[in-house]
Amino acid sequence: MEVEGVPRYVAPNPYNYDKLQIATRTSAIKAMIKDYPTVPPMWVEWLYDVITNKPQEEVEKIIKEGLWEGPSKFAKAAGGTLNTVECFNEDFTPYIFPENKITEEVIQ
């Protein structure tokens, strides 16, 4: 449907793929998403573009030396130690711990 004054969406093409390369990329990405369903689709696209556009020697160096393995230097670890905790009963009333007694029941 054409709407006057509204241009059609043009997908970004930063690597200047031609029509055949776009079709090949789309097919490969669909296959990778099917084979690796837990990997986010955007990561699959990035991986395809990197492997396709980097020199083969550089891709092999990344794989052999594990340059992209491990945590990112930009990611901050989440988590830590809890200083206080509130416990509730099934009806959401506050749980009262037996004085100075921690039992298996309380821990669970």
PDB file of N, CA and C in Angstrom:
ATOM      1  N   MET A   1       0.845  -1.167   0.000  1.00  0.00           N
ATOM      2  CA  MET A   1       0.000   0.000   0.000  1.00  0.00           C
ATOM      3  C   MET A   1       0.894   1.234   0.000  1.00  0.00           C
ATOM      4  N   GLU A   2       0.653   2.096  -0.889  1.00  0.00           N
ATOM      5  CA  GLU A   2       1.419   3.335  -0.993  1.00  0.00           C
ATOM      6  C   GLU A   2       0.678   4.462  -0.278  1.00  0.00           C
ATOM      7  N   VAL A   3       1.403   5.210   0.513  1.00  0.00           N
ATOM      8  CA  VAL A   3       0.841   6.383   1.179  1.00  0.00           C
ATOM      9  C   VAL A   3       1.629   7.585   0.684  1.00  0.00           C
ATOM     10  N   GLU A   4       0.920   8.532   0.169  1.00  0.00           N
ATOM     11  CA  GLU A   4       1.566   9.703  -0.406  1.00  0.00           C
ATOM     12  C   GLU A   4       2.360  10.460   0.660  1.00  0.00           C
ATOM     13  N   GLY A   5       3.609  10.756   0.354  1.00  0.00           N
ATOM     14  CA  GLY A   5       4.453  11.511   1.266  1.00  0.00           C
ATOM     15  C   GLY A   5       5.214  10.654   2.274  1.00  0.00           C
ATOM     16  N   VAL A   6       4.935   9.339   2.300  1.00  0.00           N
ATOM     17  CA  VAL A   6       5.638   8.447   3.218  1.00  0.00           C
ATOM     18  C   VAL A   6       6.504   7.507   2.381  1.00  0.00           C
ATOM     19  N   PRO A   7       7.825   7.629   2.512  1.00  0.00           N
ATOM     20  CA  PRO A   7       8.697   6.766   1.713  1.00  0.00           C
ATOM     21  C   PRO A   7       8.683   5.323   2.227  1.00  0.00           C
ATOM     22  N   ARG A   8       8.904   4.380   1.318  1.00  0.00           N
ATOM     23  CA  ARG A   8       8.973   2.969   1.698  1.00  0.00           C
ATOM     24  C   ARG A   8      10.238   2.725   2.501  1.00  0.00           C
ATOM     25  N   TYR A   9      10.171   1.750   3.390  1.00  0.00           N
ATOM     26  CA  TYR A   9      11.320   1.403   4.217  1.00  0.00           C
ATOM     27  C   TYR A   9      12.391   0.752   3.348  1.00  0.00           C
ATOM     28  N   VAL A  10      13.610   1.196   3.531  1.00  0.00           N
ATOM     29  CA  VAL A  10      14.752   0.594   2.852  1.00  0.00           C
ATOM     30  C   VAL A  10      15.663   0.031   3.932  1.00  0.00           C
ATOM     31  N   ALA A  11      15.868  -1.275   3.883  1.00  0.00           N
ATOM     32  CA  ALA A  11      16.708  -1.926   4.889  1.00  0.00           C
ATOM     33  C   ALA A  11      18.143  -1.431   4.772  1.00  0.00           C
ATOM     34  N   PRO A  12      18.800  -1.203   5.918  1.00  0.00           N
ATOM     35  CA  PRO A  12      20.196  -0.760   5.849  1.00  0.00           C
ATOM     36  C   PRO A  12      21.077  -1.843   5.230  1.00  0.00           C
ATOM     37  N   ASN A  13      22.070  -1.429   4.497  1.00  0.00           N
ATOM     38  CA  ASN A  13      22.979  -2.349   3.823  1.00  0.00           C
ATOM     39  C   ASN A  13      24.407  -1.799   3.956  1.00  0.00           C
ATOM     40  N   PRO A  14      24.966  -1.822   5.199  1.00  0.00           N
ATOM     41  CA  PRO A  14      26.269  -1.191   5.410  1.00  0.00           C
ATOM     42  C   PRO A  14      27.422  -1.883   4.687  1.00  0.00           C
ATOM     43  N   TYR A  15      27.262  -3.145   4.326  1.00  0.00           N
ATOM     44  CA  TYR A  15      28.330  -3.864   3.633  1.00  0.00           C
ATOM     45  C   TYR A  15      28.131  -3.864   2.115  1.00  0.00           C
ATOM     46  N   ASN A  16      27.121  -3.143   1.668  1.00  0.00           N
ATOM     47  CA  ASN A  16      26.836  -3.013   0.229  1.00  0.00           C
ATOM     48  C   ASN A  16      26.694  -4.368  -0.463  1.00  0.00           C
ATOM     49  N   TYR A  17      25.900  -5.264   0.147  1.00  0.00           N
ATOM     50  CA  TYR A  17      25.614  -6.550  -0.473  1.00  0.00           C
ATOM     51  C   TYR A  17      24.756  -6.330  -1.710  1.00  0.00           C
ATOM     52  N   ASP A  18      24.994  -7.139  -2.756  1.00  0.00           N
ATOM     53  CA  ASP A  18      24.102  -7.092  -3.918  1.00  0.00           C
ATOM     54  C   ASP A  18      22.908  -8.001  -3.650  1.00  0.00           C
ATOM     55  N   LYS A  19      21.974  -8.089  -4.589  1.00  0.00           N
ATOM     56  CA  LYS A  19      20.745  -8.861  -4.362  1.00  0.00           C
ATOM     57  C   LYS A  19      21.026 -10.340  -4.099  1.00  0.00           C
ATOM     58  N   LEU A  20      21.980 -10.922  -4.816  1.00  0.00           N
ATOM     59  CA  LEU A  20      22.321 -12.333  -4.599  1.00  0.00           C
ATOM     60  C   LEU A  20      22.937 -12.539  -3.216  1.00  0.00           C
ATOM     61  N   GLN A  21      23.820 -11.637  -2.802  1.00  0.00           N
ATOM     62  CA  GLN A  21      24.440 -11.744  -1.483  1.00  0.00           C
ATOM     63  C   GLN A  21      23.403 -11.575  -0.369  1.00  0.00           C
ATOM     64  N   ILE A  22      22.438 -10.682  -0.563  1.00  0.00           N
ATOM     65  CA  ILE A  22      21.371 -10.496   0.431  1.00  0.00           C
ATOM     66  C   ILE A  22      20.538 -11.769   0.544  1.00  0.00           C
ATOM     67  N   ALA A  23      20.211 -12.395  -0.597  1.00  0.00           N
ATOM     68  CA  ALA A  23      19.434 -13.635  -0.573  1.00  0.00           C
ATOM     69  C   ALA A  23      20.225 -14.752   0.113  1.00  0.00           C
ATOM     70  N   THR A  24      21.523 -14.852  -0.175  1.00  0.00           N
ATOM     71  CA  THR A  24      22.375 -15.859   0.451  1.00  0.00           C
ATOM     72  C   THR A  24      22.465 -15.616   1.952  1.00  0.00           C
ATOM     73  N   ARG A  25      22.637 -14.351   2.341  1.00  0.00           N
ATOM     74  CA  ARG A  25      22.722 -13.978   3.757  1.00  0.00           C
ATOM     75  C   ARG A  25      21.426 -14.334   4.484  1.00  0.00           C
ATOM     76  N   THR A  26      20.287 -13.988   3.901  1.00  0.00           N
ATOM     77  CA  THR A  26      18.989 -14.281   4.508  1.00  0.00           C
ATOM     78  C   THR A  26      18.801 -15.777   4.705  1.00  0.00           C
ATOM     79  N   SER A  27      19.147 -16.557   3.693  1.00  0.00           N
ATOM     80  CA  SER A  27      19.022 -18.015   3.782  1.00  0.00           C
ATOM     81  C   SER A  27      19.942 -18.585   4.858  1.00  0.00           C
ATOM     82  N   ALA A  28      21.188 -18.127   4.896  1.00  0.00           N
ATOM     83  CA  ALA A  28      22.145 -18.623   5.887  1.00  0.00           C
ATOM     84  C   ALA A  28      21.716 -18.254   7.303  1.00  0.00           C
ATOM     85  N   ILE A  29      21.223 -17.044   7.490  1.00  0.00           N
ATOM     86  CA  ILE A  29      20.784 -16.597   8.816  1.00  0.00           C
ATOM     87  C   ILE A  29      19.582 -17.406   9.276  1.00  0.00           C
ATOM     88  N   LYS A  30      18.635 -17.678   8.389  1.00  0.00           N
ATOM     89  CA  LYS A  30      17.473 -18.500   8.753  1.00  0.00           C
ATOM     90  C   LYS A  30      17.917 -19.901   9.182  1.00  0.00           C
ATOM     91  N   ALA A  31      18.881 -20.470   8.463  1.00  0.00           N
ATOM     92  CA  ALA A  31      19.385 -21.804   8.799  1.00  0.00           C
ATOM     93  C   ALA A  31      20.101 -21.789  10.155  1.00  0.00           C
ATOM     94  N   MET A  32      20.901 -20.745  10.407  1.00  0.00           N
ATOM     95  CA  MET A  32      21.617 -20.656  11.684  1.00  0.00           C
ATOM     96  C   MET A  32      20.648 -20.474  12.849  1.00  0.00           C
ATOM     97  N   ILE A  33      19.612 -19.672  12.652  1.00  0.00           N
ATOM     98  CA  ILE A  33      18.621 -19.466  13.709  1.00  0.00           C
ATOM     99  C   ILE A  33      17.890 -20.771  14.006  1.00  0.00           C
ATOM    100  N   LYS A  34      17.628 -21.557  12.962  1.00  0.00           N
ATOM    101  CA  LYS A  34      16.976 -22.858  13.158  1.00  0.00           C
ATOM    102  C   LYS A  34      17.911 -23.819  13.906  1.00  0.00           C
ATOM    103  N   ASP A  35      19.209 -23.811  13.566  1.00  0.00           N
ATOM    104  CA  ASP A  35      20.179 -24.709  14.200  1.00  0.00           C
ATOM    105  C   ASP A  35      20.540 -24.287  15.621  1.00  0.00           C
ATOM    106  N   TYR A  36      20.515 -22.980  15.883  1.00  0.00           N
ATOM    107  CA  TYR A  36      20.907 -22.449  17.189  1.00  0.00           C
ATOM    108  C   TYR A  36      19.798 -21.538  17.728  1.00  0.00           C
ATOM    109  N   PRO A  37      18.683 -22.116  18.181  1.00  0.00           N
ATOM    110  CA  PRO A  37      17.521 -21.309  18.571  1.00  0.00           C
ATOM    111  C   PRO A  37      17.736 -20.469  19.830  1.00  0.00           C
ATOM    112  N   THR A  38      18.745 -20.775  20.636  1.00  0.00           N
ATOM    113  CA  THR A  38      18.963 -19.999  21.858  1.00  0.00           C
ATOM    114  C   THR A  38      19.846 -18.778  21.640  1.00  0.00           C
ATOM    115  N   VAL A  39      20.433 -18.651  20.461  1.00  0.00           N
ATOM    116  CA  VAL A  39      21.272 -17.494  20.148  1.00  0.00           C
ATOM    117  C   VAL A  39      20.371 -16.389  19.604  1.00  0.00           C
ATOM    118  N   PRO A  40      20.471 -15.176  20.151  1.00  0.00           N
ATOM    119  CA  PRO A  40      19.631 -14.083  19.654  1.00  0.00           C
ATOM    120  C   PRO A  40      19.861 -13.838  18.156  1.00  0.00           C
ATOM    121  N   PRO A  41      18.788 -13.620  17.398  1.00  0.00           N
ATOM    122  CA  PRO A  41      18.915 -13.429  15.949  1.00  0.00           C
ATOM    123  C   PRO A  41      19.883 -12.303  15.557  1.00  0.00           C
ATOM    124  N   MET A  42      19.933 -11.237  16.330  1.00  0.00           N
ATOM    125  CA  MET A  42      20.847 -10.142  15.981  1.00  0.00           C
ATOM    126  C   MET A  42      22.302 -10.609  16.080  1.00  0.00           C
ATOM    127  N   TRP A  43      22.602 -11.461  17.053  1.00  0.00           N
ATOM    128  CA  TRP A  43      23.962 -11.991  17.169  1.00  0.00           C
ATOM    129  C   TRP A  43      24.304 -12.851  15.968  1.00  0.00           C
ATOM    130  N   VAL A  44      23.318 -13.611  15.488  1.00  0.00           N
ATOM    131  CA  VAL A  44      23.537 -14.448  14.308  1.00  0.00           C
ATOM    132  C   VAL A  44      23.862 -13.559  13.107  1.00  0.00           C
ATOM    133  N   GLU A  45      23.134 -12.456  12.963  1.00  0.00           N
ATOM    134  CA  GLU A  45      23.399 -11.529  11.858  1.00  0.00           C
ATOM    135  C   GLU A  45      24.798 -10.938  11.978  1.00  0.00           C
ATOM    136  N   TRP A  46      25.183 -10.527  13.176  1.00  0.00           N
ATOM    137  CA  TRP A  46      26.514  -9.965  13.375  1.00  0.00           C
ATOM    138  C   TRP A  46      27.585 -10.984  13.023  1.00  0.00           C
ATOM    139  N   LEU A  47      27.393 -12.216  13.491  1.00  0.00           N
ATOM    140  CA  LEU A  47      28.370 -13.266  13.218  1.00  0.00           C
ATOM    141  C   LEU A  47      28.524 -13.485  11.716  1.00  0.00           C
ATOM    142  N   TYR A  48      27.409 -13.558  11.011  1.00  0.00           N
ATOM    143  CA  TYR A  48      27.468 -13.762   9.561  1.00  0.00           C
ATOM    144  C   TYR A  48      28.254 -12.626   8.901  1.00  0.00           C
ATOM    145  N   ASP A  49      27.932 -11.387   9.281  1.00  0.00           N
ATOM    146  CA  ASP A  49      28.603 -10.241   8.661  1.00  0.00           C
ATOM    147  C   ASP A  49      30.097 -10.223   8.971  1.00  0.00           C
ATOM    148  N   VAL A  50      30.465 -10.566  10.196  1.00  0.00           N
ATOM    149  CA  VAL A  50      31.884 -10.576  10.559  1.00  0.00           C
ATOM    150  C   VAL A  50      32.633 -11.643   9.768  1.00  0.00           C
ATOM    151  N   ILE A  51      32.087 -12.857   9.747  1.00  0.00           N
ATOM    152  CA  ILE A  51      32.775 -13.950   9.048  1.00  0.00           C
ATOM    153  C   ILE A  51      32.846 -13.689   7.545  1.00  0.00           C
ATOM    154  N   THR A  52      31.816 -13.086   7.001  1.00  0.00           N
ATOM    155  CA  THR A  52      31.794 -12.821   5.569  1.00  0.00           C
ATOM    156  C   THR A  52      32.739 -11.689   5.171  1.00  0.00           C
ATOM    157  N   ASN A  53      32.879 -10.676   6.021  1.00  0.00           N
ATOM    158  CA  ASN A  53      33.606  -9.468   5.629  1.00  0.00           C
ATOM    159  C   ASN A  53      35.009  -9.331   6.212  1.00  0.00           C
ATOM    160  N   LYS A  54      35.394 -10.163   7.153  1.00  0.00           N
ATOM    161  CA  LYS A  54      36.762 -10.127   7.669  1.00  0.00           C
ATOM    162  C   LYS A  54      37.626 -11.075   6.841  1.00  0.00           C
ATOM    163  N   PRO A  55      38.916 -10.779   6.726  1.00  0.00           N
ATOM    164  CA  PRO A  55      39.814 -11.715   6.038  1.00  0.00           C
ATOM    165  C   PRO A  55      39.822 -13.063   6.764  1.00  0.00           C
ATOM    166  N   GLN A  56      39.933 -14.144   6.025  1.00  0.00           N
ATOM    167  CA  GLN A  56      39.885 -15.496   6.581  1.00  0.00           C
ATOM    168  C   GLN A  56      40.951 -15.703   7.652  1.00  0.00           C
ATOM    169  N   GLU A  57      42.135 -15.126   7.475  1.00  0.00           N
ATOM    170  CA  GLU A  57      43.218 -15.285   8.449  1.00  0.00           C
ATOM    171  C   GLU A  57      42.824 -14.665   9.792  1.00  0.00           C
ATOM    172  N   GLU A  58      42.155 -13.518   9.747  1.00  0.00           N
ATOM    173  CA  GLU A  58      41.740 -12.849  10.977  1.00  0.00           C
ATOM    174  C   GLU A  58      40.649 -13.640  11.703  1.00  0.00           C
ATOM    175  N   VAL A  59      39.714 -14.227  10.943  1.00  0.00           N
ATOM    176  CA  VAL A  59      38.662 -15.057  11.539  1.00  0.00           C
ATOM    177  C   VAL A  59      39.292 -16.279  12.204  1.00  0.00           C
ATOM    178  N   GLU A  60      40.265 -16.916  11.524  1.00  0.00           N
ATOM    179  CA  GLU A  60      40.944 -18.081  12.096  1.00  0.00           C
ATOM    180  C   GLU A  60      41.720 -17.711  13.364  1.00  0.00           C
ATOM    181  N   LYS A  61      42.328 -16.525  13.383  1.00  0.00           N
ATOM    182  CA  LYS A  61      43.052 -16.063  14.568  1.00  0.00           C
ATOM    183  C   LYS A  61      42.086 -15.865  15.741  1.00  0.00           C
ATOM    184  N   ILE A  62      40.920 -15.282  15.480  1.00  0.00           N
ATOM    185  CA  ILE A  62      39.909 -15.073  16.522  1.00  0.00           C
ATOM    186  C   ILE A  62      39.485 -16.413  17.112  1.00  0.00           C
ATOM    187  N   ILE A  63      39.277 -17.403  16.251  1.00  0.00           N
ATOM    188  CA  ILE A  63      38.825 -18.719  16.712  1.00  0.00           C
ATOM    189  C   ILE A  63      39.945 -19.444  17.456  1.00  0.00           C
ATOM    190  N   LYS A  64      41.159 -19.506  16.870  1.00  0.00           N
ATOM    191  CA  LYS A  64      42.265 -20.260  17.471  1.00  0.00           C
ATOM    192  C   LYS A  64      42.717 -19.680  18.806  1.00  0.00           C
ATOM    193  N   GLU A  65      42.779 -18.364  18.899  1.00  0.00           N
ATOM    194  CA  GLU A  65      43.272 -17.724  20.118  1.00  0.00           C
ATOM    195  C   GLU A  65      42.159 -17.426  21.120  1.00  0.00           C
ATOM    196  N   GLY A  66      40.909 -17.697  20.736  1.00  0.00           N
ATOM    197  CA  GLY A  66      39.795 -17.475  21.650  1.00  0.00           C
ATOM    198  C   GLY A  66      39.619 -16.016  22.011  1.00  0.00           C
ATOM    199  N   LEU A  67      39.874 -15.132  21.064  1.00  0.00           N
ATOM    200  CA  LEU A  67      39.831 -13.698  21.357  1.00  0.00           C
ATOM    201  C   LEU A  67      38.445 -13.210  21.771  1.00  0.00           C
ATOM    202  N   TRP A  68      37.398 -13.871  21.328  1.00  0.00           N
ATOM    203  CA  TRP A  68      36.037 -13.427  21.653  1.00  0.00           C
ATOM    204  C   TRP A  68      35.397 -14.291  22.723  1.00  0.00           C
ATOM    205  N   GLU A  69      36.160 -15.145  23.367  1.00  0.00           N
ATOM    206  CA  GLU A  69      35.614 -16.001  24.414  1.00  0.00           C
ATOM    207  C   GLU A  69      35.761 -15.306  25.758  1.00  0.00           C
ATOM    208  N   GLY A  70      34.919 -15.702  26.697  1.00  0.00           N
ATOM    209  CA  GLY A  70      34.975 -15.108  28.025  1.00  0.00           C
ATOM    210  C   GLY A  70      34.108 -13.874  28.107  1.00  0.00           C
ATOM    211  N   PRO A  71      34.052 -13.278  29.295  1.00  0.00           N
ATOM    212  CA  PRO A  71      33.191 -12.117  29.482  1.00  0.00           C
ATOM    213  C   PRO A  71      33.710 -10.889  28.738  1.00  0.00           C
ATOM    214  N   SER A  72      32.806 -10.060  28.322  1.00  0.00           N
ATOM    215  CA  SER A  72      33.152  -8.825  27.634  1.00  0.00           C
ATOM    216  C   SER A  72      33.791  -7.855  28.612  1.00  0.00           C
ATOM    217  N   LYS A  73      34.705  -7.048  28.115  1.00  0.00           N
ATOM    218  CA  LYS A  73      35.304  -6.049  29.001  1.00  0.00           C
ATOM    219  C   LYS A  73      34.304  -4.927  29.296  1.00  0.00           C
ATOM    220  N   PHE A  74      33.196  -4.894  28.571  1.00  0.00           N
ATOM    221  CA  PHE A  74      32.190  -3.869  28.787  1.00  0.00           C
ATOM    222  C   PHE A  74      31.060  -4.339  29.693  1.00  0.00           C
ATOM    223  N   ALA A  75      30.956  -5.653  29.931  1.00  0.00           N
ATOM    224  CA  ALA A  75      29.877  -6.202  30.744  1.00  0.00           C
ATOM    225  C   ALA A  75      30.265  -6.137  32.222  1.00  0.00           C
ATOM    226  N   LYS A  76      29.332  -5.705  33.018  1.00  0.00           N
ATOM    227  CA  LYS A  76      29.565  -5.677  34.456  1.00  0.00           C
ATOM    228  C   LYS A  76      28.857  -6.877  35.066  1.00  0.00           C
ATOM    229  N   ALA A  77      29.535  -7.528  35.983  1.00  0.00           N
ATOM    230  CA  ALA A  77      28.948  -8.692  36.637  1.00  0.00           C
ATOM    231  C   ALA A  77      27.781  -8.262  37.518  1.00  0.00           C
ATOM    232  N   ALA A  78      26.688  -8.976  37.401  1.00  0.00           N
ATOM    233  CA  ALA A  78      25.535  -8.699  38.243  1.00  0.00           C
ATOM    234  C   ALA A  78      25.572  -9.649  39.430  1.00  0.00           C
ATOM    235  N   GLY A  79      25.023  -9.224  40.493  1.00  0.00           N
ATOM    236  CA  GLY A  79      24.964 -10.100  41.657  1.00  0.00           C
ATOM    237  C   GLY A  79      25.715  -9.507  42.823  1.00  0.00           C
ATOM    238  N   GLY A  80      25.847 -10.265  43.852  1.00  0.00           N
ATOM    239  CA  GLY A  80      26.532  -9.785  45.041  1.00  0.00           C
ATOM    240  C   GLY A  80      26.005 -10.496  46.260  1.00  0.00           C
ATOM    241  N   THR A  81      26.187  -9.893  47.394  1.00  0.00           N
ATOM    242  CA  THR A  81      25.769 -10.465  48.653  1.00  0.00           C
ATOM    243  C   THR A  81      24.535  -9.744  49.159  1.00  0.00           C
ATOM    244  N   LEU A  82      23.583 -10.525  49.630  1.00  0.00           N
ATOM    245  CA  LEU A  82      22.382  -9.931  50.214  1.00  0.00           C
ATOM    246  C   LEU A  82      22.676  -9.538  51.652  1.00  0.00           C
ATOM    247  N   ASN A  83      22.364  -8.305  52.005  1.00  0.00           N
ATOM    248  CA  ASN A  83      22.557  -7.865  53.373  1.00  0.00           C
ATOM    249  C   ASN A  83      21.327  -8.149  54.218  1.00  0.00           C
ATOM    250  N   THR A  84      20.163  -8.015  53.629  1.00  0.00           N
ATOM    251  CA  THR A  84      18.925  -8.300  54.345  1.00  0.00           C
ATOM    252  C   THR A  84      17.989  -9.042  53.416  1.00  0.00           C
ATOM    253  N   VAL A  85      17.137  -9.847  53.998  1.00  0.00           N
ATOM    254  CA  VAL A  85      16.179 -10.616  53.214  1.00  0.00           C
ATOM    255  C   VAL A  85      14.851 -10.607  53.952  1.00  0.00           C
ATOM    256  N   GLU A  86      13.768 -10.448  53.219  1.00  0.00           N
ATOM    257  CA  GLU A  86      12.445 -10.565  53.814  1.00  0.00           C
ATOM    258  C   GLU A  86      11.836 -11.876  53.353  1.00  0.00           C
ATOM    259  N   CYS A  87      11.244 -12.607  54.275  1.00  0.00           N
ATOM    260  CA  CYS A  87      10.593 -13.866  53.946  1.00  0.00           C
ATOM    261  C   CYS A  87       9.102 -13.722  54.204  1.00  0.00           C
ATOM    262  N   PHE A  88       8.318 -14.335  53.316  1.00  0.00           N
ATOM    263  CA  PHE A  88       6.872 -14.236  53.439  1.00  0.00           C
ATOM    264  C   PHE A  88       6.250 -15.623  53.415  1.00  0.00           C
ATOM    265  N   ASN A  89       5.108 -15.751  54.073  1.00  0.00           N
ATOM    266  CA  ASN A  89       4.323 -16.978  54.028  1.00  0.00           C
ATOM    267  C   ASN A  89       3.599 -17.036  52.694  1.00  0.00           C
ATOM    268  N   GLU A  90       2.910 -18.149  52.443  1.00  0.00           N
ATOM    269  CA  GLU A  90       2.180 -18.306  51.189  1.00  0.00           C
ATOM    270  C   GLU A  90       1.096 -17.245  51.007  1.00  0.00           C
ATOM    271  N   ASP A  91       0.538 -16.730  52.099  1.00  0.00           N
ATOM    272  CA  ASP A  91      -0.499 -15.696  51.999  1.00  0.00           C
ATOM    273  C   ASP A  91       0.107 -14.287  52.030  1.00  0.00           C
ATOM    274  N   PHE A  92       1.419 -14.188  51.843  1.00  0.00           N
ATOM    275  CA  PHE A  92       2.166 -12.940  51.784  1.00  0.00           C
ATOM    276  C   PHE A  92       2.220 -12.176  53.101  1.00  0.00           C
ATOM    277  N   THR A  93       1.958 -12.852  54.200  1.00  0.00           N
ATOM    278  CA  THR A  93       2.180 -12.232  55.499  1.00  0.00           C
ATOM    279  C   THR A  93       3.635 -12.476  55.869  1.00  0.00           C
ATOM    280  N   PRO A  94       4.242 -11.554  56.619  1.00  0.00           N
ATOM    281  CA  PRO A  94       5.659 -11.742  56.975  1.00  0.00           C
ATOM    282  C   PRO A  94       5.881 -13.020  57.773  1.00  0.00           C
ATOM    283  N   TYR A  95       6.953 -13.734  57.415  1.00  0.00           N
ATOM    284  CA  TYR A  95       7.305 -14.963  58.123  1.00  0.00           C
ATOM    285  C   TYR A  95       8.072 -14.572  59.383  1.00  0.00           C
ATOM    286  N   ILE A  96       7.693 -15.128  60.520  1.00  0.00           N
ATOM    287  CA  ILE A  96       8.377 -14.872  61.786  1.00  0.00           C
ATOM    288  C   ILE A  96       9.281 -16.063  62.077  1.00  0.00           C
ATOM    289  N   PHE A  97      10.590 -15.826  62.101  1.00  0.00           N
ATOM    290  CA  PHE A  97      11.544 -16.896  62.370  1.00  0.00           C
ATOM    291  C   PHE A  97      11.523 -17.250  63.849  1.00  0.00           C
ATOM    292  N   PRO A  98      11.625 -18.550  64.147  1.00  0.00           N
ATOM    293  CA  PRO A  98      11.752 -18.946  65.557  1.00  0.00           C
ATOM    294  C   PRO A  98      13.014 -18.315  66.141  1.00  0.00           C
ATOM    295  N   GLU A  99      12.928 -17.824  67.339  1.00  0.00           N
ATOM    296  CA  GLU A  99      14.031 -17.092  67.948  1.00  0.00           C
ATOM    297  C   GLU A  99      15.270 -17.973  68.081  1.00  0.00           C
ATOM    298  N   ASN A 100      16.363 -17.526  67.455  1.00  0.00           N
ATOM    299  CA  ASN A 100      17.665 -18.188  67.521  1.00  0.00           C
ATOM    300  C   ASN A 100      17.646 -19.642  67.060  1.00  0.00           C
ATOM    301  N   LYS A 101      16.708 -20.022  66.223  1.00  0.00           N
ATOM    302  CA  LYS A 101      16.654 -21.403  65.733  1.00  0.00           C
ATOM    303  C   LYS A 101      16.475 -21.366  64.208  1.00  0.00           C
ATOM    304  N   ILE A 102      17.403 -21.963  63.523  1.00  0.00           N
ATOM    305  CA  ILE A 102      17.261 -22.107  62.080  1.00  0.00           C
ATOM    306  C   ILE A 102      17.167 -23.598  61.807  1.00  0.00           C
ATOM    307  N   THR A 103      16.080 -24.005  61.213  1.00  0.00           N
ATOM    308  CA  THR A 103      15.853 -25.428  60.952  1.00  0.00           C
ATOM    309  C   THR A 103      15.794 -25.660  59.449  1.00  0.00           C
ATOM    310  N   GLU A 104      15.763 -26.916  59.045  1.00  0.00           N
ATOM    311  CA  GLU A 104      15.618 -27.264  57.636  1.00  0.00           C
ATOM    312  C   GLU A 104      14.366 -26.631  57.057  1.00  0.00           C
ATOM    313  N   GLU A 105      13.297 -26.592  57.841  1.00  0.00           N
ATOM    314  CA  GLU A 105      12.028 -26.027  57.372  1.00  0.00           C
ATOM    315  C   GLU A 105      12.180 -24.540  57.057  1.00  0.00           C
ATOM    316  N   VAL A 106      12.893 -23.823  57.911  1.00  0.00           N
ATOM    317  CA  VAL A 106      13.067 -22.385  57.724  1.00  0.00           C
ATOM    318  C   VAL A 106      13.929 -22.112  56.509  1.00  0.00           C
ATOM    319  N   ILE A 107      14.985 -22.895  56.306  1.00  0.00           N
ATOM    320  CA  ILE A 107      15.895 -22.677  55.194  1.00  0.00           C
ATOM    321  C   ILE A 107      15.202 -22.931  53.863  1.00  0.00           C
ATOM    322  N   GLN A 108      14.314 -23.912  53.827  1.00  0.00           N
ATOM    323  CA  GLN A 108      13.629 -24.227  52.568  1.00  0.00           C
ATOM    324  C   GLN A 108      12.615 -23.172  52.309  1.00  0.00           C
TER     325      GLN A 108
END
